[in-house]
Amino acid sequence: MKKRRARRSRRGPVIAVVAFALIAVVIFALIAGSSGGSFDAYSVVKAEGPKATVVITPDGDVSYMDAFVGRSVPSLIWGADNQNRLCSPVSAYMELSLLSEITGGETRAQALALLGAEDIETVRDRADTLYSRIYADTSGGMCLPANSLWLDERVSYNEDTLKTLARSYHASSFSGKMKNAAYRKALNAWIKKNTDGILKDGASNPSFNEGMAAVMISTLYFDDEWTQKFDKADTGPGVFHAQGGDVSCDFMKNWYYSGTYYELAQFTAISQKYKNGCTMWYILPREGITPESLLADAQLKDFLTPRKQGYEHREAGVVLRVPKFDVTYCSDLKRSLPELGVGLAFSPEYADYSPLGAAAGTTIDNIQSEIRIAIDENGVLTDSAKAAEASQASVDGDFTLNRPFMFLISSPDDLPLFVGIINDPTR
């Protein structure tokens, strides 16, 4: 397999969007109580790499994601009404797939039901395909999923299960002393390598504690550039009508932006393309409708999936105004999954982790989700004023995100990579 190309330097304004999702499943077990920080030193089984180092969009039915997204996103993105919130549906699906592989009995059955899969073989095939469909590493941008399992060395594990994780889920497995500082350092080094170190200073990485049997980590790193860029000279202050009161923030502006436009009952939406074929969808609720209430809308649930293609849409030229934002959102999905029918995995009495090789009494302590998304202008347009003058007659209107809105970042074949609610871009 070809080596991954070097990532672009962060010295200049070379990005339009950087996004990162991390989901950590902390598994506790009743267990009795090396130098360096390289994670390779603790490797047990290494993940199999992607099938190629370019954008892959293989054939295959991914309609199972439609039901999963419609059911899970409202729970994954819960929070206070005035809070910015983020989730990664594909990361959540991959992490639940990993969970189904290391569990058995009714614990696995609950995970399979949420995943919409009849058996574990179906999950394995889907996980492999999903990984390949979203993986991209090109000169235009990157979308890099990564999975891992961090075991305590006192836990007897099933090596066949770890090989399956490597083959079907592209997950690497590691083993070491949970209380060892070097092992914690190795975990943080793995996260940094697979997310380009974009976590803000002070952000909480998963930690190792006495009694932990394993920690599962899934990350999704996204870095891309707009095909139609904003001109930094047009960026300026404006008023955003946040739920907690008006705030001042910088708005990026494109005097003439052409994108795919939807006008539905409770919201309007327009697309902005990335060089790698992915799409940012700006979703603006109608006046008087909050993003939180919009989550229950059937059309919105369809819009987050390829089913959006069934609704009437057109190409439109608009004056596009988007607030700059840099948002980090942390949550514990231990609240969300039992609501979605996956509760046994959290029960010391009934959870079944026998496929992993873990003893009775093993259970999930918490599921940490951390996501950061930042957008900027990415470059300078050539003479935007002249472009606006030439296109003035064909401008359909103004699309200004100056009140709480949602966004969706989708893959080239419309899989939902990230979903977010921006209630206050200054937070």
Protein backbone atom coordinates (compact mmCIF):
# COMPACT_ATOMS: atom_id res chain seq x y z
CA MET A 1 0.00 0.00 0.00
CA LYS A 2 1.25 3.49 -0.76
CA LYS A 3 2.28 5.62 2.18
CA ARG A 4 -0.07 8.40 3.22
CA ARG A 5 1.06 11.68 1.75
CA ALA A 6 2.33 14.41 4.04
CA ARG A 7 -0.39 16.67 5.36
CA ARG A 8 -0.47 20.29 4.33
CA SER A 9 1.23 22.86 6.50
CA ARG A 10 -0.96 24.96 8.79
CA ARG A 11 1.20 28.08 8.26
CA GLY A 12 -1.12 29.80 5.81
CA PRO A 13 -4.85 30.06 5.08
CA VAL A 14 -4.97 26.78 3.20
CA ILE A 15 -8.24 25.35 4.50
CA ALA A 16 -11.92 26.05 4.24
CA VAL A 17 -12.94 23.52 6.82
CA VAL A 18 -11.17 21.41 9.37
CA ALA A 19 -13.32 18.91 11.22
CA PHE A 20 -12.49 16.23 13.73
CA ALA A 21 -14.65 13.67 15.52
CA LEU A 22 -13.51 11.42 18.33
CA ILE A 23 -15.67 8.79 20.03
CA ALA A 24 -14.16 6.88 22.95
CA VAL A 25 -15.88 3.89 24.56
CA VAL A 26 -14.43 3.25 28.02
CA ILE A 27 -14.92 -0.37 29.11
CA PHE A 28 -14.48 -1.39 32.75
CA ALA A 29 -13.87 -4.87 34.11
CA LEU A 30 -13.25 -6.45 37.50
CA ILE A 31 -9.51 -7.03 37.18
CA ALA A 32 -6.77 -7.18 39.79
CA GLY A 33 -4.69 -4.59 40.47
CA SER A 34 7.83 0.90 29.33
CA SER A 35 9.24 3.72 28.44
CA GLY A 36 8.47 6.09 25.54
CA GLY A 37 5.20 7.28 24.04
CA SER A 38 5.17 5.54 20.65
CA PHE A 39 1.91 3.66 20.15
CA ASP A 40 3.68 1.17 17.87
CA ALA A 41 5.45 -0.18 20.95
CA TYR A 42 2.10 -1.40 22.29
CA SER A 43 0.70 -2.74 19.03
CA VAL A 44 -0.97 -6.17 19.11
CA VAL A 45 -2.73 -6.22 15.73
CA LYS A 46 -2.39 -3.44 13.15
CA ALA A 47 -5.35 -2.25 11.12
CA GLU A 48 -5.51 -3.12 7.47
CA GLY A 49 -5.24 0.05 5.41
CA PRO A 50 -7.66 1.44 2.84
CA LYS A 51 -7.91 -0.24 -0.52
CA ALA A 52 -6.44 2.83 -2.22
CA THR A 53 -5.19 6.30 -1.40
CA VAL A 54 -7.74 8.17 -3.50
CA VAL A 55 -11.43 8.89 -3.13
CA ILE A 56 -13.30 5.57 -3.22
CA THR A 57 -16.99 5.39 -4.00
CA PRO A 58 -17.69 1.70 -4.56
CA ASP A 59 -21.05 0.39 -5.53
CA GLY A 60 -23.23 -0.91 -2.72
CA ASP A 61 -26.45 -0.16 -0.93
CA VAL A 62 -26.07 2.23 2.01
CA SER A 63 -29.79 2.83 2.57
CA TYR A 64 -29.36 1.30 6.04
CA MET A 65 -27.77 4.63 7.02
CA ASP A 66 -31.03 6.46 6.26
CA ALA A 67 -32.96 4.82 9.10
CA PHE A 68 -29.98 5.04 11.45
CA VAL A 69 -29.50 8.77 10.84
CA GLY A 70 -33.20 9.58 11.21
CA ARG A 71 -33.40 7.69 14.49
CA SER A 72 -30.04 8.53 16.06
CA VAL A 73 -29.18 12.14 15.20
CA PRO A 74 -31.77 13.76 17.51
CA SER A 75 -30.31 11.75 20.41
CA LEU A 76 -26.66 12.17 19.41
CA ILE A 77 -26.98 15.94 19.16
CA TRP A 78 -28.95 16.60 22.35
CA GLY A 79 -28.17 19.55 24.61
CA ALA A 80 -29.33 22.94 25.84
CA ASP A 81 -31.23 25.11 23.37
CA ASN A 82 -28.57 27.84 23.36
CA GLN A 83 -25.66 25.42 22.96
CA ASN A 84 -23.70 24.70 19.78
CA ARG A 85 -23.88 20.97 19.09
CA LEU A 86 -22.12 18.57 16.74
CA CYS A 87 -22.26 14.91 15.88
CA SER A 88 -20.77 12.54 13.33
CA PRO A 89 -23.36 9.96 12.19
CA VAL A 90 -20.82 7.86 10.27
CA SER A 91 -18.43 7.82 13.25
CA ALA A 92 -21.27 6.77 15.54
CA TYR A 93 -22.25 4.00 13.14
CA MET A 94 -18.67 2.75 12.96
CA GLU A 95 -18.23 2.80 16.74
CA LEU A 96 -21.49 0.90 17.26
CA SER A 97 -20.32 -1.59 14.65
CA LEU A 98 -17.12 -2.13 16.62
CA LEU A 99 -19.19 -2.54 19.78
CA SER A 100 -21.35 -5.21 18.13
CA GLU A 101 -18.20 -7.16 17.18
CA ILE A 102 -16.80 -7.34 20.72
CA THR A 103 -20.15 -8.19 22.35
CA GLY A 104 -22.35 -11.28 22.23
CA GLY A 105 -25.83 -12.53 23.04
CA GLU A 106 -28.53 -9.95 23.76
CA THR A 107 -25.91 -7.19 24.09
CA ARG A 108 -24.95 -7.73 20.46
CA ALA A 109 -28.59 -8.13 19.43
CA GLN A 110 -29.40 -4.64 20.73
CA ALA A 111 -26.50 -3.12 18.77
CA LEU A 112 -27.51 -4.99 15.61
CA ALA A 113 -31.08 -3.70 15.92
CA LEU A 114 -29.92 -0.07 16.06
CA LEU A 115 -27.53 -0.68 13.16
CA GLY A 116 -30.36 -2.24 11.13
CA ALA A 117 -28.38 -5.42 10.53
CA GLU A 118 -29.60 -9.01 10.67
CA ASP A 119 -26.28 -10.54 11.71
CA ILE A 120 -22.67 -9.71 12.51
CA GLU A 121 -21.50 -10.73 9.03
CA THR A 122 -23.65 -7.94 7.58
CA VAL A 123 -22.10 -5.46 10.00
CA ARG A 124 -18.59 -6.52 8.99
CA ASP A 125 -19.34 -6.04 5.30
CA ARG A 126 -20.98 -2.66 5.92
CA ALA A 127 -18.15 -1.40 8.13
CA ASP A 128 -15.55 -2.29 5.51
CA THR A 129 -17.58 -0.64 2.75
CA LEU A 130 -18.40 2.44 4.83
CA TYR A 131 -14.73 2.97 5.64
CA SER A 132 -13.79 2.76 1.96
CA ARG A 133 -16.64 5.01 0.84
CA ILE A 134 -15.67 7.92 3.09
CA TYR A 135 -11.88 7.54 2.93
CA ALA A 136 -10.15 10.21 0.84
CA ASP A 137 -6.53 11.36 0.73
CA THR A 138 -5.90 13.56 -2.30
CA SER A 139 -4.38 16.90 -3.19
CA GLY A 140 -7.87 18.41 -2.87
CA GLY A 141 -8.49 17.33 0.71
CA MET A 142 -8.68 14.54 3.23
CA CYS A 143 -11.35 12.50 4.98
CA LEU A 144 -9.51 10.00 7.16
CA PRO A 145 -11.35 7.58 9.47
CA ALA A 146 -9.36 5.63 12.06
CA ASN A 147 -10.35 3.06 14.70
CA SER A 148 -8.48 1.52 17.61
CA LEU A 149 -8.85 -0.66 20.69
CA TRP A 150 -6.66 -0.07 23.75
CA LEU A 151 -6.53 -3.08 26.10
CA ASP A 152 -5.23 -3.49 29.61
CA GLU A 153 -2.44 -6.06 29.55
CA ARG A 154 -4.11 -7.98 32.40
CA VAL A 155 -7.12 -8.74 30.18
CA SER A 156 -7.06 -12.00 28.25
CA TYR A 157 -8.26 -11.14 24.76
CA ASN A 158 -9.43 -13.19 21.81
CA GLU A 159 -6.86 -12.70 19.07
CA ASP A 160 -9.30 -13.83 16.35
CA THR A 161 -11.62 -10.99 17.34
CA LEU A 162 -8.74 -8.50 17.11
CA LYS A 163 -7.86 -9.81 13.64
CA THR A 164 -11.49 -9.35 12.58
CA LEU A 165 -11.40 -5.78 13.89
CA ALA A 166 -8.27 -5.13 11.82
CA ARG A 167 -9.66 -6.71 8.66
CA SER A 168 -13.30 -5.55 8.60
CA TYR A 169 -13.21 -2.40 10.72
CA HIS A 170 -9.65 -1.22 9.94
CA ALA A 171 -9.04 -1.03 13.70
CA SER A 172 -5.63 -1.35 15.35
CA SER A 173 -5.36 -3.02 18.77
CA PHE A 174 -2.90 -2.16 21.51
CA SER A 175 -2.09 -3.64 24.92
CA GLY A 176 -0.34 -2.09 27.92
CA LYS A 177 -0.62 -1.07 31.56
CA MET A 178 -3.59 1.26 31.98
CA LYS A 179 -1.91 3.11 34.86
CA ASN A 180 1.34 3.54 32.93
CA ALA A 181 1.98 7.16 31.86
CA ALA A 182 3.76 5.96 28.73
CA TYR A 183 0.67 4.02 27.64
CA ARG A 184 -1.49 7.13 28.09
CA LYS A 185 1.08 9.09 26.12
CA ALA A 186 0.90 6.50 23.35
CA LEU A 187 -2.89 6.88 23.18
CA ASN A 188 -2.59 10.66 22.91
CA ALA A 189 0.08 10.26 20.22
CA TRP A 190 -2.27 8.01 18.22
CA ILE A 191 -5.09 10.55 18.50
CA LYS A 192 -2.79 13.40 17.50
CA LYS A 193 -1.47 11.49 14.49
CA ASN A 194 -4.94 10.64 13.23
CA THR A 195 -6.46 14.09 13.79
CA ASP A 196 -3.49 16.29 12.82
CA GLY A 197 -3.44 17.63 16.38
CA ILE A 198 -6.37 20.03 15.90
CA LEU A 199 -7.79 19.61 19.41
CA LYS A 200 -7.62 22.89 21.29
CA ASP A 201 -5.21 23.23 24.18
CA GLY A 202 -6.75 21.76 27.30
CA ALA A 203 -9.17 19.53 25.45
CA SER A 204 -9.76 16.29 27.31
CA ASN A 205 -8.33 13.15 25.76
CA PRO A 206 -9.54 9.80 27.11
CA SER A 207 -7.55 8.78 30.17
CA PHE A 208 -6.62 5.38 31.57
CA ASN A 209 -7.70 4.46 35.09
CA GLU A 210 -7.46 1.47 37.42
CA GLY A 211 -10.13 -1.09 36.58
CA MET A 212 -10.34 -0.27 32.88
CA ALA A 213 -10.40 -3.28 30.60
CA ALA A 214 -10.33 -1.45 27.28
CA VAL A 215 -10.89 1.85 25.52
CA MET A 216 -12.25 1.96 21.95
CA ILE A 217 -11.37 5.09 19.98
CA SER A 218 -12.81 6.14 16.62
CA THR A 219 -11.70 9.33 14.90
CA LEU A 220 -12.69 11.07 11.68
CA TYR A 221 -10.42 13.81 10.35
CA PHE A 222 -11.71 16.08 7.58
CA ASP A 223 -9.74 18.82 5.81
CA ASP A 224 -10.91 20.38 2.55
CA GLU A 225 -11.17 23.58 0.51
CA TRP A 226 -14.09 25.36 -1.10
CA THR A 227 -14.46 25.24 -4.87
CA GLN A 228 -16.02 28.74 -4.72
CA LYS A 229 -13.97 30.65 -2.21
CA PHE A 230 -14.79 33.67 -0.10
CA ASP A 231 -12.77 36.86 -0.47
CA LYS A 232 -11.19 37.86 2.84
CA ALA A 233 -11.60 41.51 1.85
CA ASP A 234 -15.37 41.02 2.03
CA THR A 235 -15.33 39.47 5.51
CA GLY A 236 -16.59 41.90 8.10
CA PRO A 237 -18.55 42.27 11.33
CA GLY A 238 -22.26 41.66 11.48
CA VAL A 239 -25.04 40.83 13.93
CA PHE A 240 -26.06 37.25 14.68
CA HIS A 241 -29.42 36.87 16.42
CA ALA A 242 -28.51 34.16 18.95
CA GLN A 243 -31.15 32.70 21.24
CA GLY A 244 -29.47 34.34 24.22
CA GLY A 245 -29.37 37.76 22.53
CA ASP A 246 -27.65 39.47 19.61
CA VAL A 247 -23.89 38.96 19.23
CA SER A 248 -21.34 40.49 16.90
CA CYS A 249 -19.22 38.19 14.73
CA ASP A 250 -17.38 38.16 11.41
CA PHE A 251 -19.40 37.12 8.36
CA MET A 252 -17.81 35.72 5.21
CA LYS A 253 -19.47 36.96 2.06
CA ASN A 254 -19.71 35.77 -1.54
CA TRP A 255 -21.36 38.37 -3.76
CA TYR A 256 -22.49 35.76 -6.22
CA TYR A 257 -22.61 32.17 -5.09
CA SER A 258 -24.19 29.40 -7.18
CA GLY A 259 -25.35 26.26 -5.37
CA THR A 260 -28.09 23.66 -5.15
CA TYR A 261 -31.07 25.21 -3.36
CA TYR A 262 -33.96 23.59 -1.48
CA GLU A 263 -37.07 25.38 -0.23
CA LEU A 264 -39.00 23.07 2.10
CA ALA A 265 -41.85 23.58 4.55
CA GLN A 266 -39.79 24.31 7.67
CA PHE A 267 -36.39 25.26 6.27
CA THR A 268 -34.38 26.35 3.26
CA ALA A 269 -30.93 24.99 2.37
CA ILE A 270 -28.10 25.66 -0.04
CA SER A 271 -24.96 23.69 -0.85
CA GLN A 272 -21.31 24.70 -0.94
CA LYS A 273 -18.92 22.28 -2.63
CA TYR A 274 -15.46 21.15 -1.57
CA LYS A 275 -12.65 20.29 -3.95
CA ASN A 276 -12.71 16.65 -2.88
CA GLY A 277 -16.36 16.21 -3.90
CA CYS A 278 -17.84 16.60 -0.42
CA THR A 279 -20.58 19.15 0.27
CA MET A 280 -21.41 21.59 3.04
CA TRP A 281 -25.16 22.12 3.36
CA TYR A 282 -26.34 25.25 5.18
CA ILE A 283 -29.79 24.59 6.64
CA LEU A 284 -31.73 27.68 7.76
CA PRO A 285 -34.97 27.10 9.71
CA ARG A 286 -37.92 29.31 8.87
CA GLU A 287 -38.50 32.35 11.10
CA GLY A 288 -39.86 31.20 14.47
CA ILE A 289 -38.52 27.64 14.13
CA THR A 290 -35.49 26.58 16.17
CA PRO A 291 -32.91 24.02 15.03
CA GLU A 292 -33.91 21.89 18.04
CA SER A 293 -37.55 21.68 16.94
CA LEU A 294 -36.43 21.09 13.35
CA LEU A 295 -34.78 17.83 14.42
CA ALA A 296 -38.23 16.21 14.63
CA ASP A 297 -39.17 17.24 11.09
CA ALA A 298 -39.52 14.31 8.67
CA GLN A 299 -38.20 16.35 5.74
CA LEU A 300 -35.11 17.33 7.75
CA LYS A 301 -34.42 13.67 8.55
CA ASP A 302 -34.66 12.88 4.84
CA PHE A 303 -32.42 15.84 4.02
CA LEU A 304 -29.62 14.42 6.14
CA THR A 305 -29.53 11.37 3.84
CA PRO A 306 -29.49 10.75 0.07
CA ARG A 307 -33.29 10.82 0.21
CA LYS A 308 -33.03 14.60 -0.18
CA GLN A 309 -32.69 13.98 -3.91
CA GLY A 310 -36.40 13.12 -4.02
CA TYR A 311 -37.41 16.68 -3.09
CA GLU A 312 -37.69 19.51 -5.58
CA HIS A 313 -34.50 21.54 -5.87
CA ARG A 314 -32.75 23.83 -8.33
CA GLU A 315 -29.51 25.67 -8.95
CA ALA A 316 -29.66 29.19 -7.55
CA GLY A 317 -27.37 32.19 -7.51
CA VAL A 318 -27.40 34.04 -4.20
CA VAL A 319 -25.47 36.52 -2.12
CA LEU A 320 -24.14 34.13 0.54
CA ARG A 321 -23.26 35.34 4.04
CA VAL A 322 -21.86 32.80 6.52
CA PRO A 323 -20.57 33.52 10.05
CA LYS A 324 -17.06 32.26 10.76
CA PHE A 325 -17.00 29.76 13.59
CA ASP A 326 -14.69 27.41 15.43
CA VAL A 327 -16.78 25.08 17.58
CA THR A 328 -15.80 22.21 19.88
CA TYR A 329 -18.51 20.00 21.36
CA CYS A 330 -18.01 17.31 24.00
CA SER A 331 -20.66 14.90 25.23
CA ASP A 332 -21.13 11.52 26.91
CA LEU A 333 -23.19 9.23 24.67
CA LYS A 334 -23.97 7.02 27.66
CA ARG A 335 -27.19 9.00 27.88
CA SER A 336 -28.10 8.62 24.21
CA LEU A 337 -27.56 4.92 23.51
CA PRO A 338 -29.96 3.48 26.12
CA GLU A 339 -32.63 5.80 24.66
CA LEU A 340 -31.89 4.16 21.31
CA GLY A 341 -32.27 0.65 22.69
CA VAL A 342 -28.61 -0.16 23.44
CA GLY A 343 -28.68 -0.46 27.22
CA LEU A 344 -27.31 -3.89 28.10
CA ALA A 345 -23.77 -2.86 27.17
CA PHE A 346 -23.81 -0.61 30.26
CA SER A 347 -25.03 -3.31 32.68
CA PRO A 348 -22.40 -5.14 34.81
CA GLU A 349 -24.95 -7.92 35.42
CA TYR A 350 -26.06 -8.56 31.85
CA ALA A 351 -23.45 -7.17 29.44
CA ASP A 352 -21.74 -9.84 27.34
CA TYR A 353 -18.20 -9.08 26.16
CA SER A 354 -17.19 -12.70 25.69
CA PRO A 355 -16.15 -12.30 22.01
CA LEU A 356 -13.46 -9.90 23.22
CA GLY A 357 -12.41 -12.40 25.86
CA ALA A 358 -13.40 -10.17 28.78
CA ALA A 359 -14.65 -11.62 32.05
CA ALA A 360 -18.17 -11.41 33.43
CA GLY A 361 -18.89 -8.03 34.99
CA THR A 362 -17.30 -6.09 32.13
CA THR A 363 -19.33 -3.03 31.19
CA ILE A 364 -19.13 0.36 29.45
CA ASP A 365 -18.40 3.16 31.90
CA ASN A 366 -18.80 6.05 29.46
CA ILE A 367 -18.75 6.94 25.78
CA GLN A 368 -16.97 10.24 25.19
CA SER A 369 -17.65 12.15 21.99
CA GLU A 370 -15.54 15.16 21.07
CA ILE A 371 -15.91 17.05 17.79
CA ARG A 372 -14.32 20.24 16.53
CA ILE A 373 -15.25 22.05 13.32
CA ALA A 374 -13.77 25.32 12.06
CA ILE A 375 -14.42 27.16 8.79
CA ASP A 376 -12.66 30.06 7.10
CA GLU A 377 -12.56 31.84 3.75
CA ASN A 378 -9.74 29.76 2.26
CA GLY A 379 -8.04 32.00 -0.20
CA VAL A 380 -8.81 35.17 -2.13
CA LEU A 381 -11.07 35.58 -5.13
CA THR A 382 -9.85 37.53 -8.11
CA ASP A 383 -11.75 40.81 -8.32
CA SER A 384 -15.00 39.76 -6.61
CA ALA A 385 -16.59 43.17 -7.20
CA LYS A 386 -16.41 42.67 -10.96
CA ALA A 387 -17.86 39.18 -10.60
CA ALA A 388 -20.78 40.62 -8.67
CA GLU A 389 -21.41 43.28 -11.27
CA ALA A 390 -21.40 40.81 -14.15
CA SER A 391 -23.78 38.43 -12.39
CA GLN A 392 -26.12 40.97 -10.77
CA ALA A 393 -29.02 40.22 -13.07
CA SER A 394 -29.02 36.51 -12.21
CA VAL A 395 -28.87 36.79 -8.40
CA ASP A 396 -31.96 35.07 -6.95
CA GLY A 397 -31.72 36.60 -3.50
CA ASP A 398 -29.86 36.72 -0.24
CA PHE A 399 -28.96 33.65 1.87
CA THR A 400 -27.74 34.99 5.20
CA LEU A 401 -27.11 32.76 8.21
CA ASN A 402 -27.69 35.43 10.84
CA ARG A 403 -29.79 33.34 13.23
CA PRO A 404 -29.47 29.79 14.65
CA PHE A 405 -28.96 27.28 11.83
CA MET A 406 -27.91 23.73 11.09
CA PHE A 407 -25.30 22.36 8.75
CA LEU A 408 -24.48 19.02 7.17
CA ILE A 409 -21.15 17.92 5.70
CA SER A 410 -21.74 14.99 3.37
CA SER A 411 -19.41 12.70 1.43
CA PRO A 412 -19.31 12.62 -2.40
CA ASP A 413 -22.04 9.96 -2.35
CA ASP A 414 -24.10 11.87 0.25
CA LEU A 415 -23.21 9.99 3.45
CA PRO A 416 -23.55 12.28 6.53
CA LEU A 417 -20.06 12.91 7.89
CA PHE A 418 -20.97 15.71 10.31
CA VAL A 419 -24.19 17.38 11.47
CA GLY A 420 -24.18 20.53 13.55
CA ILE A 421 -26.32 23.19 15.20
CA ILE A 422 -24.85 26.68 15.49
CA ASN A 423 -26.80 28.70 18.05
CA ASP A 424 -24.01 31.20 18.69
CA PRO A 425 -20.94 31.32 16.39
CA THR A 426 -18.95 33.31 18.98
CA ARG A 427 -18.91 30.46 21.52
